Protein backbone atom coordinates (compact mmCIF):
# COMPACT_ATOMS: atom_id res chain seq x y z
CA UNK A 1 157.05 61.21 155.06
CA UNK A 2 158.22 59.60 151.60
CA UNK A 3 158.03 56.04 150.68
CA UNK A 4 161.65 54.95 149.92
CA UNK A 5 160.81 52.18 147.29
CA UNK A 6 157.98 54.62 144.84
CA UNK A 7 160.01 57.90 146.51
CA UNK A 8 155.81 58.93 146.80
CA UNK A 9 154.16 60.45 150.25
CA UNK A 10 152.59 57.91 152.42
CA UNK A 11 149.65 59.02 153.42
CA UNK A 12 148.57 59.64 156.66
CA UNK A 13 151.77 61.57 157.13
CA UNK A 14 152.24 65.16 157.02
CA UNK A 15 155.56 66.85 155.40
CA UNK A 16 155.99 69.06 157.74
CA UNK A 17 155.08 67.36 160.94
CA UNK A 18 155.34 70.75 164.01
CA UNK A 19 153.37 73.11 161.93
CA UNK A 20 153.83 76.83 161.29
CA UNK A 21 154.99 78.48 164.27
CA UNK A 22 152.80 80.24 166.85
CA UNK A 23 152.86 84.01 166.09
CA UNK A 24 153.97 83.56 162.21
CA UNK A 25 151.81 85.67 160.14
CA UNK A 26 150.66 84.57 156.33
CA UNK A 27 150.58 87.57 153.67
CA UNK A 28 147.50 88.74 153.81
CA UNK A 29 147.31 88.41 157.08
CA UNK A 30 150.08 90.36 157.51
CA UNK A 31 149.05 92.82 154.70
CA UNK A 32 145.69 93.17 156.55
CA UNK A 33 147.53 94.29 160.03
CA UNK A 34 149.60 96.82 158.05
CA UNK A 35 146.35 98.35 156.31
CA UNK A 36 144.50 97.79 159.90
CA UNK A 37 147.26 100.50 161.23
CA UNK A 38 147.21 102.72 158.60
CA UNK A 39 143.75 102.70 158.44
CA UNK A 40 142.90 106.39 160.63
CA UNK A 41 145.64 108.21 158.21
CA UNK A 42 143.92 107.14 155.29
CA UNK A 43 140.41 108.15 156.57
CA UNK A 44 141.90 111.84 157.32
CA UNK A 45 143.70 112.01 153.83
CA UNK A 46 139.96 110.18 152.57
CA UNK A 47 138.08 113.43 154.26
CA UNK A 48 140.62 115.73 153.51
CA UNK A 49 140.83 115.84 150.15
CA UNK A 50 137.20 115.29 150.07
CA UNK A 51 136.54 118.59 151.57
CA UNK A 52 138.90 119.82 149.23
CA UNK A 53 136.67 119.46 145.96
CA UNK A 54 138.61 115.64 145.10
CA UNK A 55 135.41 114.85 143.85
CA UNK A 56 136.49 110.62 144.06
CA UNK A 57 137.39 111.06 147.55
CA UNK A 58 133.68 112.55 148.03
CA UNK A 59 132.21 109.74 145.92
CA UNK A 60 134.25 107.11 147.87
CA UNK A 61 133.53 108.57 151.30
CA UNK A 62 129.61 108.93 150.09
CA UNK A 63 129.72 105.06 149.12
CA UNK A 64 130.86 104.15 152.69
CA UNK A 65 128.83 106.26 154.34
CA UNK A 66 125.84 105.57 152.52
CA UNK A 67 126.07 101.94 151.01
CA UNK A 68 123.68 101.04 147.80
CA UNK A 69 120.63 98.76 149.35
CA UNK A 70 120.16 95.65 148.30
CA UNK A 71 116.63 95.30 146.32
CA UNK A 72 114.15 92.72 149.45
CA UNK A 73 111.60 91.47 148.05
CA UNK A 74 108.40 91.21 150.33
CA UNK A 75 105.16 89.59 149.87
CA UNK A 76 103.20 91.91 148.47
CA UNK A 77 99.57 91.18 147.82
CA UNK A 78 97.38 93.12 145.42
CA UNK A 79 93.95 92.00 145.43
CA UNK A 80 92.44 93.71 142.26
CA UNK A 81 94.96 91.96 140.46
CA UNK A 82 94.63 88.03 141.64
CA UNK A 83 91.43 88.69 141.01
CA UNK A 84 92.36 89.43 137.33
CA UNK A 85 94.61 86.56 137.50
CA UNK A 86 91.21 84.32 138.50
CA UNK A 87 89.76 85.07 135.82
CA UNK A 88 92.77 85.08 133.32
CA UNK A 89 92.89 88.60 132.88
CA UNK A 90 96.56 88.94 132.50
CA UNK A 91 96.72 92.51 130.98
CA UNK A 92 94.64 93.75 133.55
CA UNK A 93 96.36 92.49 136.51
CA UNK A 94 99.48 94.58 135.29
CA UNK A 95 97.53 97.56 135.52
CA UNK A 96 96.66 97.04 138.73
CA UNK A 97 100.46 96.22 139.51
CA UNK A 98 100.76 99.43 138.09
CA UNK A 99 98.33 101.38 140.00
CA UNK A 100 99.98 99.50 143.19
CA UNK A 101 102.98 101.51 142.15
CA UNK A 102 101.76 104.93 141.75
CA UNK A 103 99.46 104.86 144.95
CA UNK A 104 103.43 103.79 146.71
CA UNK A 105 102.11 100.37 147.48
CA UNK A 106 105.03 98.24 145.99
CA UNK A 107 108.24 99.22 145.39
CA UNK A 108 109.02 99.06 140.99
CA UNK A 109 111.56 96.49 141.11
CA UNK A 110 109.26 94.86 142.85
CA UNK A 111 106.12 95.14 140.77
CA UNK A 112 108.61 94.77 137.75
CA UNK A 113 109.21 91.15 139.26
CA UNK A 114 105.58 90.62 139.46
CA UNK A 115 104.91 91.53 136.23
CA UNK A 116 107.32 89.01 134.55
CA UNK A 117 105.96 86.19 136.87
CA UNK A 118 102.46 86.97 135.16
CA UNK A 119 104.30 87.20 131.94
CA UNK A 120 106.40 83.97 132.13
CA UNK A 121 102.89 82.00 133.39
CA UNK A 122 101.02 83.89 130.42
CA UNK A 123 103.45 82.20 128.02
CA UNK A 124 103.59 78.77 129.35
CA UNK A 125 100.15 78.77 129.51
CA UNK A 126 99.55 79.87 125.35
CA UNK A 127 101.97 77.34 124.90
CA UNK A 128 100.23 74.70 126.67
CA UNK A 129 96.88 75.57 124.88
CA UNK A 130 98.51 75.67 121.68
CA UNK A 131 99.89 71.54 122.75
CA UNK A 132 97.01 70.98 123.36
CA UNK A 133 95.14 72.25 120.10
CA UNK A 134 97.68 70.56 117.62
CA UNK A 135 97.25 66.95 119.47
CA UNK A 136 93.65 67.86 119.41
CA UNK A 137 93.68 68.62 115.49
CA UNK A 138 96.03 65.92 115.02
CA UNK A 139 93.61 63.09 116.37
CA UNK A 140 90.71 64.43 114.52
CA UNK A 141 92.58 64.41 111.36
CA UNK A 142 94.01 60.92 112.13
CA UNK A 143 97.10 61.99 111.38
CA UNK A 144 100.60 59.75 111.96
CA UNK A 145 102.90 61.28 113.95
CA UNK A 146 105.91 63.07 111.88
CA UNK A 147 103.42 64.47 109.37
CA UNK A 148 102.93 68.03 109.09
CA UNK A 149 100.18 69.92 106.90
CA UNK A 150 101.58 72.47 104.16
CA UNK A 151 100.21 75.37 102.39
CA UNK A 152 98.54 73.71 99.93
CA UNK A 153 96.62 71.32 101.97
CA UNK A 154 98.71 69.00 100.92
CA UNK A 155 100.38 65.91 103.29
CA UNK A 156 103.80 65.90 103.89
CA UNK A 157 106.09 63.88 105.82
CA UNK A 158 107.75 66.23 108.27
CA UNK A 159 111.50 66.11 107.52
CA UNK A 160 113.35 67.20 110.59
CA UNK A 161 111.44 65.15 113.38
CA UNK A 162 108.25 66.03 115.05
CA UNK A 163 108.31 68.92 117.81
CA UNK A 164 105.61 67.33 119.39
CA UNK A 165 105.77 64.49 121.58
CA UNK A 166 102.73 62.24 121.91
């Protein structure tokens, strides 16, 4: 329904109050029904071509029969790797993960995710330690924020702002 003065639709009133008639199908539903009706013939043709040696048909049939499985990460516990992590020995933990792969205790994709997580943790720890060290050095030298030390041990103001905030 339209407002006669503004020619705009009035809120709360449908332009089609009766709605779609019962049994009337949209284009998608109609196409799905036709495909479903022809599916037995399509499958028969696929099987016939696959048996005749058509590699594309064979590949399609195999992908239907044996779909590719998605990786599912499971909780994994490798005590020897955990001990290495507690000691801060990231390389040792990675070696223990590789040993677990070789023994068949851990799937390679799961191990890859574990090693990537260890690497990220290690990089984060290194960055944190470097930042802490820079703050300590700045405090020991009593340097104002925004000052850098260049090669000749000359104190020079930093041109582009400090990358470490106090």
